[in-house]
Structure formats: structure tokens, C-alpha cells
Amino acid sequence: MEQNHISERYERAQKRVEEIKKFYKHLVFYLIINFIFIGRRIYKDISYGDSVIEAFTDLNNYGFFFWWGIFLIFHAAKVFGFPNLFNKDWEDRKIKEYLKEEENNNKKMESNFTQEQRFLKAQQRVKAIKGFYTHLTIYCIIISIIVFVNLRFEPHFHWFWFSAIGWGIGLFFHWLKVFGFNLLGLGKNWEERKIKKIMEEDI
């Protein structure tokens, strides 16, 4: 038993190291490619008559660096996470919180869930909440970047509203799926009560 536990820990650590290794490879590749690409663009601008300062301060030369950098940030977030918001301690606390909530619900209503099933249910709930907060964080970051780019390069036409509102609608439905139905009384507890009632009527 102890040997299996050690083996599982080793496999998890090995997988973790492999993910970190892939991120650092991505980072190195990102720096090398962008160094070559930006250097080539600056050299081309200078050869066409721009001064060194004009070539280095031309933001058009850094577009590739900027957009690829966003994907690199997402990769970093996936590998290292959001340490202050959604770390393992946060997940454990939320799982315990929902296990306690489930236990309180079981005192009011008979339940066929085993301890393991209750844990899995709480774990799924925490993953859903974590997914929403991750979505919200990414939304705030990307929309802020879009607003900046819009106001910086096309201040006469505020097209960022299309992205903010369109994506915001999707974010609202994500919130509704994770939190909204519970607030409306149509969450998992309601589903379980209805299922139980239908099963009793079907006898």
C-alpha cells in the first residue's frame, strides 16, 4: 500500500516536472523567434529610411510579440495557476465547505450518496467554480488589452464594445450555469428532489 502511494506521488511529480519543462521550452522558443522577427523588422525599417529611435518605437514591429505573449501568459497560468486565488489550499477548503453543505442537506433529506460520491460531487462543484473564476480573470485581462489597443490605434471608433458585450454574454451564461440556477432555486438540490419525486411516483 505504501509502495503504491509512493509510486503515485512519483508519477504526479514526474508529470508536473514535464509540464514545467514544456513551458520553459515554449518561453525559450518565444524569446528566440521574437528576437529574430523584431530584429528583422527594425532592420527593414532602418533600411527604408527610419531613424533608429523610430524603428525601435514603432509598435507595429511588436504585434507578433504581443499576441504570442498572450498565449504564453495562458500557458503559464495553466502550468503555474493563479497562486493567490485558485491554489490547492483553496480547492481543499471549497471541497470541505461543500461536503459540509451536502452533509447538512442529508440531515433534511434522505440521500443514497456514499462518502466517496459526496466527495466527487463536491470536487466537481469546486472545479466548476474554479473554471468560472478563471474565465472571469481571462475576460478581464483580454478585454483590458483590447480596450487599450482600440483606444491607442483607433480612438475614433470604439469597436471594443463588440468584444466586451459579446464575450460578456457568454460569461453571464457561464455564471448562470455555475451560480445562477442555485440562486433561482433550480440547482442540484432541486434536481435531486425532482428526481426522487419522479422515481417515487413511478413506483
C-alpha atoms as a PDB file:
ATOM      1  CA  MET A   1       0.000   0.000   0.000  1.00  0.00           C
ATOM      2  CA  GLU A   2       2.782   2.381   0.973  1.00  0.00           C
ATOM      3  CA  GLN A   3       4.702   1.432  -2.176  1.00  0.00           C
ATOM      4  CA  ASN A   4       1.674   2.265  -4.357  1.00  0.00           C
ATOM      5  CA  HIS A   5       1.312   5.624  -2.615  1.00  0.00           C
ATOM      6  CA  ILE A   6       4.976   6.462  -3.270  1.00  0.00           C
ATOM      7  CA  SER A   7       4.604   5.380  -6.901  1.00  0.00           C
ATOM      8  CA  GLU A   8       1.562   7.630  -7.381  1.00  0.00           C
ATOM      9  CA  ARG A   9       3.383  10.578  -5.812  1.00  0.00           C
ATOM     10  CA  TYR A  10       6.360   9.968  -8.113  1.00  0.00           C
ATOM     11  CA  GLU A  11       4.137   9.828 -11.200  1.00  0.00           C
ATOM     12  CA  ARG A  12       2.392  13.075 -10.209  1.00  0.00           C
ATOM     13  CA  ALA A  13       5.738  14.778  -9.609  1.00  0.00           C
ATOM     14  CA  GLN A  14       7.069  13.468 -12.916  1.00  0.00           C
ATOM     15  CA  LYS A  15       4.020  14.787 -14.772  1.00  0.00           C
ATOM     16  CA  ARG A  16       4.358  18.152 -13.026  1.00  0.00           C
ATOM     17  CA  VAL A  17       8.033  18.445 -13.984  1.00  0.00           C
ATOM     18  CA  GLU A  18       7.196  17.569 -17.599  1.00  0.00           C
ATOM     19  CA  GLU A  19       4.585  20.364 -17.734  1.00  0.00           C
ATOM     20  CA  ILE A  20       7.053  22.901 -16.309  1.00  0.00           C
ATOM     21  CA  LYS A  21       9.716  21.720 -18.759  1.00  0.00           C
ATOM     22  CA  LYS A  22       7.327  22.248 -21.707  1.00  0.00           C
ATOM     23  CA  PHE A  23       6.543  25.780 -20.520  1.00  0.00           C
ATOM     24  CA  TYR A  24      10.228  26.732 -20.311  1.00  0.00           C
ATOM     25  CA  LYS A  25      10.792  25.319 -23.804  1.00  0.00           C
ATOM     26  CA  HIS A  26       7.888  27.456 -25.008  1.00  0.00           C
ATOM     27  CA  LEU A  27       9.377  30.501 -23.292  1.00  0.00           C
ATOM     28  CA  VAL A  28      12.831  29.996 -24.840  1.00  0.00           C
ATOM     29  CA  PHE A  29      11.318  29.410 -28.292  1.00  0.00           C
ATOM     30  CA  TYR A  30       9.185  32.545 -27.857  1.00  0.00           C
ATOM     31  CA  LEU A  31      12.190  34.709 -26.976  1.00  0.00           C
ATOM     32  CA  ILE A  32      14.398  33.397 -29.798  1.00  0.00           C
ATOM     33  CA  ILE A  33      11.754  33.670 -32.550  1.00  0.00           C
ATOM     34  CA  ASN A  34      10.640  37.134 -31.475  1.00  0.00           C
ATOM     35  CA  PHE A  35      14.229  38.354 -31.182  1.00  0.00           C
ATOM     36  CA  ILE A  36      14.808  37.315 -34.815  1.00  0.00           C
ATOM     37  CA  PHE A  37      11.436  38.608 -36.034  1.00  0.00           C
ATOM     38  CA  ILE A  38      11.630  42.003 -34.282  1.00  0.00           C
ATOM     39  CA  GLY A  39      15.280  42.439 -35.245  1.00  0.00           C
ATOM     40  CA  ARG A  40      14.416  41.793 -38.884  1.00  0.00           C
ATOM     41  CA  ARG A  41      11.514  44.308 -38.782  1.00  0.00           C
ATOM     42  CA  ILE A  42      13.674  47.003 -37.166  1.00  0.00           C
ATOM     43  CA  TYR A  43      16.489  46.435 -39.651  1.00  0.00           C
ATOM     44  CA  LYS A  44      13.989  46.687 -42.516  1.00  0.00           C
ATOM     45  CA  ASP A  45      12.570  49.978 -41.166  1.00  0.00           C
ATOM     46  CA  ILE A  46      16.038  51.483 -40.829  1.00  0.00           C
ATOM     47  CA  SER A  47      16.957  50.383 -44.335  1.00  0.00           C
ATOM     48  CA  TYR A  48      13.835  52.186 -45.610  1.00  0.00           C
ATOM     49  CA  GLY A  49      14.931  55.452 -44.028  1.00  0.00           C
ATOM     50  CA  ASP A  50      13.538  55.409 -40.480  1.00  0.00           C
ATOM     51  CA  SER A  51      15.810  56.528 -37.670  1.00  0.00           C
ATOM     52  CA  VAL A  52      16.918  54.002 -35.043  1.00  0.00           C
ATOM     53  CA  ILE A  53      14.570  55.534 -32.460  1.00  0.00           C
ATOM     54  CA  GLU A  54      11.622  55.464 -34.886  1.00  0.00           C
ATOM     55  CA  ALA A  55      12.314  51.843 -35.779  1.00  0.00           C
ATOM     56  CA  PHE A  56      12.575  50.742 -32.130  1.00  0.00           C
ATOM     57  CA  THR A  57       9.476  52.663 -31.015  1.00  0.00           C
ATOM     58  CA  ASP A  58       7.249  51.555 -33.882  1.00  0.00           C
ATOM     59  CA  LEU A  59       4.617  49.422 -32.112  1.00  0.00           C
ATOM     60  CA  ASN A  60       3.755  47.625 -35.352  1.00  0.00           C
ATOM     61  CA  ASN A  61       7.059  45.787 -35.024  1.00  0.00           C
ATOM     62  CA  TYR A  62       5.923  44.216 -31.741  1.00  0.00           C
ATOM     63  CA  GLY A  63       2.491  42.904 -32.759  1.00  0.00           C
ATOM     64  CA  PHE A  64       3.661  39.295 -33.105  1.00  0.00           C
ATOM     65  CA  PHE A  65       5.492  39.553 -29.775  1.00  0.00           C
ATOM     66  CA  PHE A  66       2.387  40.980 -28.111  1.00  0.00           C
ATOM     67  CA  TRP A  67      -0.207  38.438 -29.324  1.00  0.00           C
ATOM     68  CA  TRP A  68       2.028  35.411 -28.866  1.00  0.00           C
ATOM     69  CA  GLY A  69       2.803  36.788 -25.390  1.00  0.00           C
ATOM     70  CA  ILE A  70      -0.893  36.488 -24.506  1.00  0.00           C
ATOM     71  CA  PHE A  71      -0.836  32.771 -25.345  1.00  0.00           C
ATOM     72  CA  LEU A  72       2.363  32.432 -23.317  1.00  0.00           C
ATOM     73  CA  ILE A  73       0.580  34.004 -20.327  1.00  0.00           C
ATOM     74  CA  PHE A  74      -2.246  31.476 -20.709  1.00  0.00           C
ATOM     75  CA  HIS A  75       0.307  28.673 -20.838  1.00  0.00           C
ATOM     76  CA  ALA A  76       1.950  29.990 -17.659  1.00  0.00           C
ATOM     77  CA  ALA A  77      -1.453  30.242 -15.968  1.00  0.00           C
ATOM     78  CA  LYS A  78      -2.213  26.630 -16.916  1.00  0.00           C
ATOM     79  CA  VAL A  79       1.116  25.333 -15.594  1.00  0.00           C
ATOM     80  CA  PHE A  80       1.602  27.503 -12.521  1.00  0.00           C
ATOM     81  CA  GLY A  81      -2.005  28.568 -11.953  1.00  0.00           C
ATOM     82  CA  PHE A  82      -3.205  31.604 -10.070  1.00  0.00           C
ATOM     83  CA  PRO A  83      -1.354  31.013  -6.781  1.00  0.00           C
ATOM     84  CA  ASN A  84      -3.217  33.555  -4.707  1.00  0.00           C
ATOM     85  CA  LEU A  85      -6.692  32.681  -5.971  1.00  0.00           C
ATOM     86  CA  PHE A  86      -7.113  29.092  -7.095  1.00  0.00           C
ATOM     87  CA  ASN A  87      -4.338  27.070  -5.498  1.00  0.00           C
ATOM     88  CA  LYS A  88      -4.627  23.614  -3.949  1.00  0.00           C
ATOM     89  CA  ASP A  89      -5.440  25.010  -0.485  1.00  0.00           C
ATOM     90  CA  TRP A  90      -8.337  26.960  -1.974  1.00  0.00           C
ATOM     91  CA  GLU A  91      -9.659  23.811  -3.665  1.00  0.00           C
ATOM     92  CA  ASP A  92      -9.370  21.784  -0.435  1.00  0.00           C
ATOM     93  CA  ARG A  93     -11.213  24.467   1.545  1.00  0.00           C
ATOM     94  CA  LYS A  94     -14.006  24.647  -1.012  1.00  0.00           C
ATOM     95  CA  ILE A  95     -14.341  20.859  -1.155  1.00  0.00           C
ATOM     96  CA  LYS A  96     -14.672  20.707   2.643  1.00  0.00           C
ATOM     97  CA  GLU A  97     -17.188  23.543   2.517  1.00  0.00           C
ATOM     98  CA  TYR A  98     -19.400  21.731   0.010  1.00  0.00           C
ATOM     99  CA  LEU A  99     -19.027  18.419   1.817  1.00  0.00           C
ATOM    100  CA  LYS A 100     -20.332  20.127   4.943  1.00  0.00           C
ATOM    101  CA  GLU A 101     -23.158  21.692   2.948  1.00  0.00           C
ATOM    102  CA  GLU A 102     -24.033  18.275   1.498  1.00  0.00           C
ATOM    103  CA  GLU A 103     -23.965  16.756   4.982  1.00  0.00           C
ATOM    104  CA  ASN A 104     -26.417  19.401   6.212  1.00  0.00           C
ATOM    105  CA  ASN A 105     -28.690  18.685   3.258  1.00  0.00           C
ATOM    106  CA  ASN A 106     -28.611  14.978   4.053  1.00  0.00           C
ATOM    107  CA  LYS A 107     -29.967  15.706   7.539  1.00  0.00           C
ATOM    108  CA  LYS A 108     -33.051  17.239   5.916  1.00  0.00           C
ATOM    109  CA  MET A 109     -33.448  14.734   3.113  1.00  0.00           C
ATOM    110  CA  GLU A 110     -32.546  11.038   2.794  1.00  0.00           C
ATOM    111  CA  SER A 111     -29.660  10.501   0.413  1.00  0.00           C
ATOM    112  CA  ASN A 112     -28.139   7.435  -1.235  1.00  0.00           C
ATOM    113  CA  PHE A 113     -24.739   9.046  -1.778  1.00  0.00           C
ATOM    114  CA  THR A 114     -21.756   7.291  -0.277  1.00  0.00           C
ATOM    115  CA  GLN A 115     -18.894   9.230   1.271  1.00  0.00           C
ATOM    116  CA  GLU A 116     -16.863   8.822  -1.918  1.00  0.00           C
ATOM    117  CA  GLN A 117     -19.721  10.008  -4.113  1.00  0.00           C
ATOM    118  CA  ARG A 118     -20.235  13.043  -1.908  1.00  0.00           C
ATOM    119  CA  PHE A 119     -16.539  13.878  -2.206  1.00  0.00           C
ATOM    120  CA  LEU A 120     -16.616  13.545  -6.011  1.00  0.00           C
ATOM    121  CA  LYS A 121     -19.705  15.733  -6.166  1.00  0.00           C
ATOM    122  CA  ALA A 122     -18.031  18.422  -4.051  1.00  0.00           C
ATOM    123  CA  GLN A 123     -14.877  18.158  -6.179  1.00  0.00           C
ATOM    124  CA  GLN A 124     -16.878  18.671  -9.385  1.00  0.00           C
ATOM    125  CA  ARG A 125     -18.593  21.695  -7.842  1.00  0.00           C
ATOM    126  CA  VAL A 126     -15.235  23.249  -6.913  1.00  0.00           C
ATOM    127  CA  LYS A 127     -13.859  22.630 -10.417  1.00  0.00           C
ATOM    128  CA  ALA A 128     -16.914  24.356 -11.898  1.00  0.00           C
ATOM    129  CA  ILE A 129     -16.404  27.401  -9.647  1.00  0.00           C
ATOM    130  CA  LYS A 130     -12.687  27.468 -10.413  1.00  0.00           C
ATOM    131  CA  GLY A 131     -13.493  27.307 -14.135  1.00  0.00           C
ATOM    132  CA  PHE A 132     -15.789  30.317 -13.862  1.00  0.00           C
ATOM    133  CA  TYR A 133     -13.291  32.439 -11.910  1.00  0.00           C
ATOM    134  CA  THR A 134     -10.563  31.514 -14.407  1.00  0.00           C
ATOM    135  CA  HIS A 135     -12.898  32.529 -17.234  1.00  0.00           C
ATOM    136  CA  LEU A 136     -13.672  35.825 -15.460  1.00  0.00           C
ATOM    137  CA  THR A 137      -9.969  36.568 -14.914  1.00  0.00           C
ATOM    138  CA  ILE A 138      -9.101  35.871 -18.565  1.00  0.00           C
ATOM    139  CA  TYR A 139     -12.049  38.020 -19.671  1.00  0.00           C
ATOM    140  CA  CYS A 140     -10.855  40.988 -17.601  1.00  0.00           C
ATOM    141  CA  ILE A 141      -7.268  40.678 -18.864  1.00  0.00           C
ATOM    142  CA  ILE A 142      -8.108  40.248 -22.559  1.00  0.00           C
ATOM    143  CA  ILE A 143     -10.845  42.899 -22.653  1.00  0.00           C
ATOM    144  CA  SER A 144      -8.476  45.351 -20.943  1.00  0.00           C
ATOM    145  CA  ILE A 145      -5.875  44.649 -23.622  1.00  0.00           C
ATOM    146  CA  ILE A 146      -8.459  45.041 -26.405  1.00  0.00           C
ATOM    147  CA  VAL A 147      -9.650  48.355 -24.935  1.00  0.00           C
ATOM    148  CA  PHE A 148      -6.049  49.604 -24.766  1.00  0.00           C
ATOM    149  CA  VAL A 149      -5.293  48.585 -28.363  1.00  0.00           C
ATOM    150  CA  ASN A 150      -8.552  50.123 -29.600  1.00  0.00           C
ATOM    151  CA  LEU A 151      -8.050  53.460 -27.834  1.00  0.00           C
ATOM    152  CA  ARG A 152      -4.377  53.527 -28.772  1.00  0.00           C
ATOM    153  CA  PHE A 153      -4.726  52.881 -32.519  1.00  0.00           C
ATOM    154  CA  GLU A 154      -8.379  53.692 -33.398  1.00  0.00           C
ATOM    155  CA  PRO A 155      -9.704  56.069 -30.737  1.00  0.00           C
ATOM    156  CA  HIS A 156     -12.359  57.444 -33.113  1.00  0.00           C
ATOM    157  CA  PHE A 157     -14.250  54.111 -33.258  1.00  0.00           C
ATOM    158  CA  HIS A 158     -14.839  52.139 -30.043  1.00  0.00           C
ATOM    159  CA  TRP A 159     -15.136  48.634 -31.520  1.00  0.00           C
ATOM    160  CA  PHE A 160     -14.039  47.052 -28.233  1.00  0.00           C
ATOM    161  CA  TRP A 161     -17.707  47.124 -27.134  1.00  0.00           C
ATOM    162  CA  PHE A 162     -18.489  44.298 -29.564  1.00  0.00           C
ATOM    163  CA  SER A 163     -15.952  42.029 -27.880  1.00  0.00           C
ATOM    164  CA  ALA A 164     -16.825  43.150 -24.349  1.00  0.00           C
ATOM    165  CA  ILE A 165     -20.585  42.687 -24.776  1.00  0.00           C
ATOM    166  CA  GLY A 166     -20.440  39.539 -26.916  1.00  0.00           C
ATOM    167  CA  TRP A 167     -17.995  37.757 -24.639  1.00  0.00           C
ATOM    168  CA  GLY A 168     -19.781  39.223 -21.599  1.00  0.00           C
ATOM    169  CA  ILE A 169     -22.991  37.457 -22.637  1.00  0.00           C
ATOM    170  CA  GLY A 170     -21.105  34.156 -22.735  1.00  0.00           C
ATOM    171  CA  LEU A 171     -19.601  34.931 -19.338  1.00  0.00           C
ATOM    172  CA  PHE A 172     -23.075  35.648 -17.951  1.00  0.00           C
ATOM    173  CA  PHE A 173     -24.365  32.257 -19.108  1.00  0.00           C
ATOM    174  CA  HIS A 174     -21.296  30.627 -17.552  1.00  0.00           C
ATOM    175  CA  TRP A 175     -22.114  32.393 -14.267  1.00  0.00           C
ATOM    176  CA  LEU A 176     -25.753  31.301 -14.597  1.00  0.00           C
ATOM    177  CA  LYS A 177     -24.690  27.681 -15.044  1.00  0.00           C
ATOM    178  CA  VAL A 178     -22.344  27.733 -12.027  1.00  0.00           C
ATOM    179  CA  PHE A 179     -24.193  30.017  -9.582  1.00  0.00           C
ATOM    180  CA  GLY A 180     -27.386  31.398 -11.101  1.00  0.00           C
ATOM    181  CA  PHE A 181     -29.622  28.333 -11.049  1.00  0.00           C
ATOM    182  CA  ASN A 182     -28.822  27.784  -7.376  1.00  0.00           C
ATOM    183  CA  LEU A 183     -29.824  31.369  -6.603  1.00  0.00           C
ATOM    184  CA  LEU A 184     -33.067  30.811  -8.513  1.00  0.00           C
ATOM    185  CA  GLY A 185     -33.770  27.610  -6.572  1.00  0.00           C
ATOM    186  CA  LEU A 186     -33.133  25.401  -9.622  1.00  0.00           C
ATOM    187  CA  GLY A 187     -29.736  23.982  -8.679  1.00  0.00           C
ATOM    188  CA  LYS A 188     -28.564  20.451  -7.931  1.00  0.00           C
ATOM    189  CA  ASN A 189     -30.659  20.118  -4.766  1.00  0.00           C
ATOM    190  CA  TRP A 190     -33.792  20.943  -6.763  1.00  0.00           C
ATOM    191  CA  GLU A 191     -32.780  18.381  -9.400  1.00  0.00           C
ATOM    192  CA  GLU A 192     -32.283  15.692  -6.735  1.00  0.00           C
ATOM    193  CA  ARG A 193     -35.650  16.415  -5.134  1.00  0.00           C
ATOM    194  CA  LYS A 194     -37.413  16.251  -8.511  1.00  0.00           C
ATOM    195  CA  ILE A 195     -35.628  13.028  -9.474  1.00  0.00           C
ATOM    196  CA  LYS A 196     -36.581  11.452  -6.143  1.00  0.00           C
ATOM    197  CA  LYS A 197     -40.192  12.615  -6.502  1.00  0.00           C
ATOM    198  CA  ILE A 198     -40.492  11.268 -10.067  1.00  0.00           C
ATOM    199  CA  MET A 199     -38.970   7.945  -9.026  1.00  0.00           C
ATOM    200  CA  GLU A 200     -41.450   7.661  -6.132  1.00  0.00           C
ATOM    201  CA  GLU A 201     -44.365   8.444  -8.452  1.00  0.00           C
ATOM    202  CA  ASP A 202     -43.138   5.838 -10.929  1.00  0.00           C
ATOM    203  CA  ILE A 203     -43.356   3.018  -8.375  1.00  0.00           C
END
